Structures are given as structure tokens and as C-alpha cells.
N, C-alpha and C. Protein backbone atom coordinates (compact mmCIF):
# COMPACT_ATOMS: atom_id res chain seq x y z
N MET A 1 0.81 -1.20 0.00
CA MET A 1 0.00 0.00 0.00
C MET A 1 0.86 1.26 0.00
N GLU A 2 2.11 1.14 0.44
CA GLU A 2 3.00 2.29 0.40
C GLU A 2 3.18 2.78 -1.03
N LEU A 3 3.34 1.84 -1.98
CA LEU A 3 3.50 2.23 -3.39
C LEU A 3 2.23 2.87 -3.91
N ARG A 4 1.08 2.33 -3.54
CA ARG A 4 -0.20 2.90 -3.98
C ARG A 4 -0.36 4.32 -3.45
N ASP A 5 0.01 4.52 -2.19
CA ASP A 5 -0.09 5.84 -1.57
C ASP A 5 0.83 6.85 -2.25
N ARG A 6 1.90 6.37 -2.88
CA ARG A 6 2.83 7.26 -3.59
C ARG A 6 2.46 7.43 -5.06
N GLY A 7 1.27 6.95 -5.46
CA GLY A 7 0.77 7.19 -6.81
C GLY A 7 1.11 6.12 -7.83
N PHE A 8 1.53 4.94 -7.37
CA PHE A 8 1.87 3.87 -8.30
C PHE A 8 0.74 2.85 -8.38
N GLY A 9 0.51 2.34 -9.57
CA GLY A 9 -0.38 1.21 -9.76
C GLY A 9 -1.86 1.52 -9.63
N GLU A 10 -2.63 0.49 -9.92
CA GLU A 10 -4.08 0.55 -9.83
C GLU A 10 -4.55 -0.67 -9.07
N LEU A 11 -5.35 -0.46 -8.05
CA LEU A 11 -5.82 -1.54 -7.21
C LEU A 11 -7.02 -2.22 -7.86
N LYS A 12 -6.90 -3.52 -8.12
CA LYS A 12 -7.98 -4.32 -8.70
C LYS A 12 -8.05 -5.63 -7.94
N ALA A 13 -9.19 -5.88 -7.31
CA ALA A 13 -9.41 -7.13 -6.58
C ALA A 13 -8.27 -7.43 -5.60
N ASP A 14 -7.95 -6.46 -4.77
CA ASP A 14 -6.92 -6.61 -3.74
C ASP A 14 -5.51 -6.85 -4.28
N LYS A 15 -5.29 -6.58 -5.56
CA LYS A 15 -3.96 -6.70 -6.15
C LYS A 15 -3.59 -5.37 -6.78
N LEU A 16 -2.33 -5.02 -6.68
CA LEU A 16 -1.83 -3.78 -7.26
C LEU A 16 -1.24 -4.09 -8.63
N HIS A 17 -1.81 -3.50 -9.68
CA HIS A 17 -1.36 -3.73 -11.05
C HIS A 17 -0.59 -2.49 -11.52
N PHE A 18 0.58 -2.75 -12.12
CA PHE A 18 1.43 -1.66 -12.61
C PHE A 18 1.41 -1.60 -14.12
N ALA A 19 1.46 -0.39 -14.65
CA ALA A 19 1.68 -0.19 -16.09
C ALA A 19 3.15 -0.55 -16.35
N PRO A 20 3.50 -0.89 -17.59
CA PRO A 20 4.90 -1.25 -17.89
C PRO A 20 5.89 -0.19 -17.41
N TYR A 21 5.59 1.08 -17.62
CA TYR A 21 6.51 2.15 -17.26
C TYR A 21 6.72 2.22 -15.74
N GLU A 22 5.63 1.98 -14.99
CA GLU A 22 5.75 1.97 -13.54
C GLU A 22 6.65 0.81 -13.09
N SER A 23 6.47 -0.33 -13.72
CA SER A 23 7.30 -1.50 -13.40
C SER A 23 8.77 -1.21 -13.66
N PHE A 24 9.06 -0.61 -14.83
CA PHE A 24 10.45 -0.27 -15.16
C PHE A 24 11.04 0.66 -14.10
N TYR A 25 10.27 1.68 -13.76
CA TYR A 25 10.73 2.70 -12.81
C TYR A 25 10.99 2.09 -11.44
N LEU A 26 10.03 1.33 -10.94
CA LEU A 26 10.16 0.73 -9.62
C LEU A 26 11.30 -0.29 -9.57
N LEU A 27 11.49 -1.02 -10.64
CA LEU A 27 12.59 -1.98 -10.71
C LEU A 27 13.93 -1.24 -10.73
N GLU A 28 14.01 -0.18 -11.54
CA GLU A 28 15.25 0.59 -11.62
C GLU A 28 15.59 1.23 -10.27
N LYS A 29 14.57 1.67 -9.54
CA LYS A 29 14.78 2.31 -8.23
C LYS A 29 14.88 1.29 -7.10
N GLN A 30 14.85 0.01 -7.46
CA GLN A 30 14.97 -1.10 -6.51
C GLN A 30 13.87 -1.09 -5.45
N LYS A 31 12.66 -0.75 -5.87
CA LYS A 31 11.49 -0.77 -4.98
C LYS A 31 10.71 -2.08 -5.12
N ILE A 32 10.91 -2.79 -6.24
CA ILE A 32 10.25 -4.08 -6.46
C ILE A 32 11.25 -5.05 -7.08
N THR A 33 10.90 -6.32 -7.04
CA THR A 33 11.62 -7.33 -7.80
C THR A 33 10.60 -8.01 -8.68
N VAL A 34 11.02 -8.45 -9.84
CA VAL A 34 10.14 -9.11 -10.79
C VAL A 34 10.73 -10.49 -11.06
N MET A 35 9.88 -11.49 -10.92
CA MET A 35 10.32 -12.86 -11.11
C MET A 35 9.67 -13.44 -12.37
N ASP A 36 10.44 -14.24 -13.10
CA ASP A 36 9.91 -14.96 -14.26
C ASP A 36 9.13 -16.17 -13.74
N LYS A 37 7.86 -16.28 -14.17
CA LYS A 37 7.01 -17.38 -13.69
C LYS A 37 7.58 -18.75 -14.03
N ARG A 38 8.08 -18.89 -15.25
CA ARG A 38 8.56 -20.21 -15.71
C ARG A 38 9.85 -20.64 -15.03
N SER A 39 10.83 -19.75 -15.08
CA SER A 39 12.16 -20.15 -14.58
C SER A 39 12.35 -19.84 -13.09
N GLY A 40 11.56 -18.92 -12.57
CA GLY A 40 11.70 -18.54 -11.17
C GLY A 40 12.86 -17.60 -10.91
N ARG A 41 13.56 -17.16 -11.98
CA ARG A 41 14.70 -16.27 -11.79
C ARG A 41 14.25 -14.82 -11.76
N GLU A 42 15.03 -14.01 -11.11
CA GLU A 42 14.74 -12.58 -11.00
C GLU A 42 15.09 -11.89 -12.32
N LEU A 43 14.17 -11.07 -12.82
CA LEU A 43 14.39 -10.35 -14.07
C LEU A 43 15.09 -9.02 -13.80
N GLU A 44 15.96 -8.66 -14.72
CA GLU A 44 16.60 -7.35 -14.67
C GLU A 44 15.81 -6.38 -15.53
N LEU A 45 16.12 -5.10 -15.42
CA LEU A 45 15.40 -4.08 -16.17
C LEU A 45 15.42 -4.35 -17.67
N ARG A 46 16.58 -4.70 -18.21
CA ARG A 46 16.66 -4.93 -19.66
C ARG A 46 15.78 -6.10 -20.10
N ASP A 47 15.66 -7.13 -19.24
CA ASP A 47 14.78 -8.27 -19.55
C ASP A 47 13.33 -7.83 -19.61
N LEU A 48 12.94 -7.03 -18.64
CA LEU A 48 11.55 -6.55 -18.58
C LEU A 48 11.23 -5.62 -19.75
N VAL A 49 12.16 -4.73 -20.06
CA VAL A 49 11.96 -3.81 -21.19
C VAL A 49 11.84 -4.60 -22.49
N ARG A 50 12.71 -5.58 -22.67
CA ARG A 50 12.66 -6.42 -23.87
C ARG A 50 11.30 -7.12 -23.98
N LYS A 51 10.81 -7.63 -22.88
CA LYS A 51 9.54 -8.37 -22.85
C LYS A 51 8.36 -7.45 -23.23
N PHE A 52 8.35 -6.23 -22.70
CA PHE A 52 7.24 -5.31 -22.97
C PHE A 52 7.40 -4.53 -24.27
N SER A 53 8.58 -4.56 -24.88
CA SER A 53 8.83 -3.77 -26.09
C SER A 53 8.58 -4.52 -27.39
N VAL A 54 8.23 -5.78 -27.31
CA VAL A 54 8.00 -6.57 -28.52
C VAL A 54 6.88 -5.91 -29.33
N GLY A 55 7.22 -5.48 -30.54
CA GLY A 55 6.25 -4.83 -31.41
C GLY A 55 5.94 -3.39 -31.04
N LYS A 56 6.60 -2.85 -30.03
CA LYS A 56 6.35 -1.48 -29.58
C LYS A 56 7.69 -0.77 -29.37
N PRO A 57 8.32 -0.33 -30.43
CA PRO A 57 9.66 0.28 -30.29
C PRO A 57 9.66 1.58 -29.49
N GLU A 58 8.51 2.23 -29.33
CA GLU A 58 8.46 3.50 -28.60
C GLU A 58 8.45 3.32 -27.08
N THR A 59 8.38 2.09 -26.61
CA THR A 59 8.27 1.82 -25.17
C THR A 59 9.40 2.45 -24.37
N TRP A 60 10.64 2.32 -24.83
CA TRP A 60 11.77 2.86 -24.08
C TRP A 60 11.72 4.38 -24.02
N ILE A 61 11.38 5.03 -25.13
CA ILE A 61 11.30 6.50 -25.15
C ILE A 61 10.20 6.96 -24.20
N LYS A 62 9.07 6.28 -24.21
CA LYS A 62 7.98 6.64 -23.29
C LYS A 62 8.43 6.48 -21.84
N TYR A 63 9.20 5.43 -21.59
CA TYR A 63 9.70 5.22 -20.24
C TYR A 63 10.63 6.36 -19.82
N LEU A 64 11.49 6.81 -20.71
CA LEU A 64 12.41 7.90 -20.37
C LEU A 64 11.64 9.16 -19.96
N VAL A 65 10.56 9.46 -20.66
CA VAL A 65 9.73 10.61 -20.30
C VAL A 65 9.05 10.36 -18.96
N TYR A 66 8.50 9.15 -18.78
CA TYR A 66 7.86 8.78 -17.52
C TYR A 66 8.83 8.97 -16.35
N ARG A 67 10.03 8.42 -16.49
CA ARG A 67 11.03 8.50 -15.43
C ARG A 67 11.40 9.94 -15.12
N ASP A 68 11.57 10.75 -16.15
CA ASP A 68 11.93 12.15 -15.95
C ASP A 68 10.83 12.88 -15.18
N LEU A 69 9.59 12.63 -15.54
CA LEU A 69 8.46 13.29 -14.85
C LEU A 69 8.35 12.83 -13.40
N ARG A 70 8.51 11.52 -13.15
CA ARG A 70 8.44 11.01 -11.78
C ARG A 70 9.59 11.59 -10.95
N ASP A 71 10.78 11.66 -11.54
CA ASP A 71 11.92 12.21 -10.81
C ASP A 71 11.73 13.69 -10.50
N ARG A 72 10.90 14.37 -11.27
CA ARG A 72 10.58 15.79 -11.02
C ARG A 72 9.46 15.95 -9.99
N GLY A 73 8.90 14.82 -9.53
CA GLY A 73 7.90 14.88 -8.46
C GLY A 73 6.46 14.76 -8.91
N TYR A 74 6.21 14.47 -10.17
CA TYR A 74 4.84 14.34 -10.66
C TYR A 74 4.32 12.91 -10.48
N ILE A 75 3.02 12.79 -10.32
CA ILE A 75 2.35 11.50 -10.39
C ILE A 75 1.94 11.34 -11.84
N VAL A 76 2.34 10.24 -12.45
CA VAL A 76 2.16 10.05 -13.89
C VAL A 76 1.27 8.85 -14.13
N ARG A 77 0.24 9.04 -14.94
CA ARG A 77 -0.68 7.96 -15.31
C ARG A 77 -0.74 7.86 -16.82
N GLU A 78 -0.96 6.63 -17.31
CA GLU A 78 -1.19 6.48 -18.75
C GLU A 78 -2.49 7.22 -19.06
N SER A 79 -2.52 7.88 -20.19
CA SER A 79 -3.65 8.72 -20.55
C SER A 79 -4.57 8.02 -21.53
N ILE A 80 -5.79 8.49 -21.54
CA ILE A 80 -6.73 8.03 -22.55
C ILE A 80 -6.61 8.93 -23.77
N LYS A 81 -7.32 8.61 -24.77
CA LYS A 81 -7.30 9.36 -26.03
C LYS A 81 -5.93 9.26 -26.69
N ALA A 82 -5.50 10.34 -27.33
CA ALA A 82 -4.27 10.32 -28.13
C ALA A 82 -3.05 10.82 -27.37
N PHE A 83 -3.17 11.00 -26.06
CA PHE A 83 -2.06 11.50 -25.26
C PHE A 83 -1.26 10.33 -24.70
N ASP A 84 -0.04 10.62 -24.29
CA ASP A 84 0.80 9.58 -23.72
C ASP A 84 0.60 9.46 -22.21
N PHE A 85 0.59 10.61 -21.52
CA PHE A 85 0.45 10.58 -20.07
C PHE A 85 -0.44 11.71 -19.57
N ASP A 86 -1.00 11.49 -18.40
CA ASP A 86 -1.76 12.47 -17.66
C ASP A 86 -0.97 12.68 -16.37
N ILE A 87 -0.60 13.92 -16.03
CA ILE A 87 0.21 14.11 -14.83
C ILE A 87 -0.50 15.00 -13.83
N TYR A 88 -0.18 14.74 -12.56
CA TYR A 88 -0.75 15.47 -11.43
C TYR A 88 0.38 15.88 -10.51
N GLY A 89 0.11 16.88 -9.71
CA GLY A 89 1.11 17.31 -8.74
C GLY A 89 1.59 18.70 -9.04
N LYS A 90 2.25 19.29 -8.06
CA LYS A 90 2.80 20.64 -8.19
C LYS A 90 1.72 21.63 -8.59
N GLY A 91 0.70 21.74 -7.76
CA GLY A 91 -0.38 22.68 -8.00
C GLY A 91 -1.64 21.99 -8.49
N PRO A 92 -2.73 22.76 -8.59
CA PRO A 92 -4.02 22.15 -8.93
C PRO A 92 -4.17 21.82 -10.42
N LEU A 93 -3.32 22.37 -11.26
CA LEU A 93 -3.47 22.19 -12.70
C LEU A 93 -3.08 20.78 -13.12
N ARG A 94 -3.94 20.15 -13.90
CA ARG A 94 -3.62 18.86 -14.47
C ARG A 94 -3.07 19.08 -15.87
N ARG A 95 -2.18 18.18 -16.27
CA ARG A 95 -1.52 18.35 -17.56
C ARG A 95 -1.60 17.07 -18.37
N LEU A 96 -1.71 17.23 -19.68
CA LEU A 96 -1.67 16.10 -20.60
C LEU A 96 -0.34 16.17 -21.34
N ILE A 97 0.33 15.03 -21.44
CA ILE A 97 1.64 14.97 -22.08
C ILE A 97 1.52 14.22 -23.39
N SER A 98 2.07 14.82 -24.44
CA SER A 98 2.18 14.14 -25.73
C SER A 98 3.65 14.14 -26.11
N ILE A 99 4.16 12.96 -26.45
CA ILE A 99 5.58 12.83 -26.77
C ILE A 99 5.79 13.02 -28.27
N VAL A 100 6.78 13.84 -28.59
CA VAL A 100 7.17 14.08 -29.98
C VAL A 100 8.63 13.67 -30.10
N TYR A 101 8.93 12.84 -31.08
CA TYR A 101 10.30 12.36 -31.28
C TYR A 101 10.99 13.26 -32.30
N GLU A 102 12.23 13.64 -32.01
CA GLU A 102 12.98 14.44 -32.96
C GLU A 102 13.08 13.67 -34.27
N GLY A 103 12.73 14.32 -35.34
CA GLY A 103 12.74 13.68 -36.65
C GLY A 103 11.44 12.94 -36.93
N GLY A 104 10.59 12.83 -35.93
CA GLY A 104 9.29 12.17 -36.11
C GLY A 104 8.27 13.14 -36.67
N GLU A 105 7.12 12.63 -36.98
CA GLU A 105 6.08 13.44 -37.58
C GLU A 105 5.15 14.00 -36.51
N ALA A 106 4.90 15.29 -36.54
CA ALA A 106 3.96 15.95 -35.64
C ALA A 106 3.19 16.97 -36.46
N SER A 107 2.10 16.55 -37.05
CA SER A 107 1.35 17.45 -37.94
C SER A 107 0.60 18.52 -37.14
N LEU A 108 0.41 19.66 -37.77
CA LEU A 108 -0.34 20.74 -37.13
C LEU A 108 -1.78 20.32 -36.87
N ARG A 109 -2.32 19.52 -37.75
CA ARG A 109 -3.70 19.04 -37.57
C ARG A 109 -3.81 18.21 -36.28
N LYS A 110 -2.85 17.30 -36.07
CA LYS A 110 -2.86 16.47 -34.86
C LYS A 110 -2.67 17.33 -33.61
N LEU A 111 -1.72 18.26 -33.67
CA LEU A 111 -1.48 19.14 -32.53
C LEU A 111 -2.71 19.99 -32.23
N GLY A 112 -3.40 20.43 -33.27
CA GLY A 112 -4.63 21.20 -33.08
C GLY A 112 -5.71 20.39 -32.39
N LYS A 113 -5.85 19.13 -32.78
CA LYS A 113 -6.84 18.24 -32.13
C LYS A 113 -6.49 18.04 -30.66
N LEU A 114 -5.22 17.78 -30.39
CA LEU A 114 -4.79 17.59 -29.00
C LEU A 114 -5.04 18.84 -28.17
N LEU A 115 -4.75 20.00 -28.74
CA LEU A 115 -4.95 21.25 -28.03
C LEU A 115 -6.43 21.51 -27.76
N ARG A 116 -7.29 21.28 -28.74
CA ARG A 116 -8.73 21.48 -28.53
C ARG A 116 -9.26 20.55 -27.44
N TYR A 117 -8.83 19.30 -27.45
CA TYR A 117 -9.29 18.37 -26.44
C TYR A 117 -8.80 18.79 -25.05
N SER A 118 -7.52 19.14 -24.95
CA SER A 118 -6.98 19.52 -23.63
C SER A 118 -7.69 20.77 -23.10
N GLU A 119 -7.99 21.71 -23.97
CA GLU A 119 -8.70 22.91 -23.53
C GLU A 119 -10.12 22.58 -23.09
N SER A 120 -10.78 21.66 -23.79
CA SER A 120 -12.15 21.28 -23.40
C SER A 120 -12.16 20.56 -22.05
N GLU A 121 -11.07 19.90 -21.71
CA GLU A 121 -10.94 19.20 -20.42
C GLU A 121 -10.33 20.11 -19.34
N LYS A 122 -10.04 21.37 -19.72
CA LYS A 122 -9.41 22.33 -18.83
C LYS A 122 -8.07 21.81 -18.27
N LYS A 123 -7.27 21.26 -19.17
CA LYS A 123 -5.95 20.76 -18.82
C LYS A 123 -4.92 21.43 -19.71
N GLU A 124 -3.72 21.53 -19.21
CA GLU A 124 -2.63 22.13 -19.96
C GLU A 124 -1.99 21.06 -20.84
N LEU A 125 -1.70 21.41 -22.10
CA LEU A 125 -1.05 20.48 -23.02
C LEU A 125 0.46 20.73 -23.01
N ILE A 126 1.20 19.67 -22.73
CA ILE A 126 2.66 19.74 -22.71
C ILE A 126 3.20 18.79 -23.78
N LEU A 127 4.09 19.30 -24.62
CA LEU A 127 4.78 18.45 -25.58
C LEU A 127 6.14 18.09 -24.99
N ALA A 128 6.42 16.81 -24.92
CA ALA A 128 7.73 16.34 -24.47
C ALA A 128 8.50 15.96 -25.72
N VAL A 129 9.47 16.78 -26.07
CA VAL A 129 10.25 16.55 -27.29
C VAL A 129 11.53 15.81 -26.90
N VAL A 130 11.71 14.62 -27.47
CA VAL A 130 12.85 13.77 -27.16
C VAL A 130 13.79 13.79 -28.36
N ASP A 131 15.03 14.23 -28.13
CA ASP A 131 15.98 14.30 -29.25
C ASP A 131 16.75 12.99 -29.41
N ARG A 132 17.65 12.97 -30.36
CA ARG A 132 18.39 11.74 -30.67
C ARG A 132 19.27 11.25 -29.53
N ARG A 133 19.69 12.17 -28.67
CA ARG A 133 20.52 11.79 -27.52
C ARG A 133 19.66 11.46 -26.30
N THR A 134 18.37 11.39 -26.50
CA THR A 134 17.34 11.13 -25.48
C THR A 134 17.24 12.24 -24.44
N ASP A 135 17.67 13.45 -24.80
CA ASP A 135 17.40 14.60 -23.95
C ASP A 135 15.94 14.99 -24.15
N ILE A 136 15.31 15.44 -23.08
CA ILE A 136 13.88 15.77 -23.14
C ILE A 136 13.70 17.25 -22.85
N VAL A 137 12.95 17.93 -23.71
CA VAL A 137 12.61 19.33 -23.52
C VAL A 137 11.08 19.41 -23.54
N TYR A 138 10.51 20.16 -22.58
CA TYR A 138 9.06 20.27 -22.47
C TYR A 138 8.61 21.64 -22.95
N TYR A 139 7.54 21.63 -23.75
CA TYR A 139 6.94 22.87 -24.26
C TYR A 139 5.46 22.86 -23.92
N THR A 140 4.98 24.01 -23.45
CA THR A 140 3.56 24.16 -23.20
C THR A 140 2.93 24.67 -24.48
N LEU A 141 1.86 24.03 -24.89
CA LEU A 141 1.17 24.41 -26.12
C LEU A 141 -0.17 25.03 -25.73
N SER A 142 -0.42 26.23 -26.23
CA SER A 142 -1.70 26.88 -25.95
C SER A 142 -2.10 27.69 -27.17
N SER A 143 -3.35 28.07 -27.19
CA SER A 143 -3.83 28.86 -28.31
C SER A 143 -3.95 30.33 -27.89
N LEU A 144 -3.91 31.19 -28.85
CA LEU A 144 -4.04 32.62 -28.60
C LEU A 144 -5.40 33.06 -29.08
N ARG A 145 -6.15 33.65 -28.21
CA ARG A 145 -7.49 34.14 -28.57
C ARG A 145 -7.46 35.67 -28.54
N VAL A 146 -7.89 36.27 -29.64
CA VAL A 146 -7.85 37.72 -29.75
C VAL A 146 -9.26 38.25 -29.75
């Protein structure tokens, strides 16, 4: 329950279920251990990442953003709709995070849709731009009304 109280996991039928990114983070911070059901051996972070990344090459980049946000003191949840994360903490404002990869495609039409949705939900839209060296820069996206 200590992990739940710190904003990790979702309680379902008396069990705490973690999203892949939460598992990576907690394993890296040595807060949990993960065991392979078949072999009974303890899994390392790279084993877990490999297991969850099959067919999802963006998993590691998403984890880097997740880890950076958690290390900054935010509670981070997987988001619904087209966003990557929903974050809480550091004031009453809730924020929606959308990850943009350097060299990746980010159309104005998609950004406009994300912005309209975030405004309708009264949340701030943050773009997490990840460059080739995996440095992360955050930009707040808002519209100007005249």
C-alpha cells in the first residue's frame, strides 16, 4: 500500500497492477523485484523492457519521459485518447503529455486536435520533445485568442 499511496499502480481485486513504465521505474529504483514465472529467476530491467517492447519500439522512449516526470515529483498515469500521459502534482493544474520524437512526424492538424481536447478538459497540453541523444525538452502548447 505504500507504493499505492505514492501514486503507483491501480488496485484491482486486492492486487496492485502496474503499467509497464511503472514497473520499469520501480525496478530501476529497486522498490520491487520481478520474477519470471517459468524459470523462477529474477528479471533485470533490460529483460523486462525487452519483454514489454515486442512490437512497440516507442516503449523505451515513453519510459524515459515517464522516469523524468516522476523524478521531477509528478504522479504520472497512462492517458486516454491520443495522449501519452496524464500528470498530477505541483499545483491544482492537471496536464496532458504528448511525446514528440525528434525527426518524427507531428502534424499541425494532430497538434490542433490535441490542443482542442486539452482545452475542453481544462488541462494544460505539454509536448515532451525527445531528441536523438534522449534529452527531453518540455513545451507548453496553448492557443491565442484575440
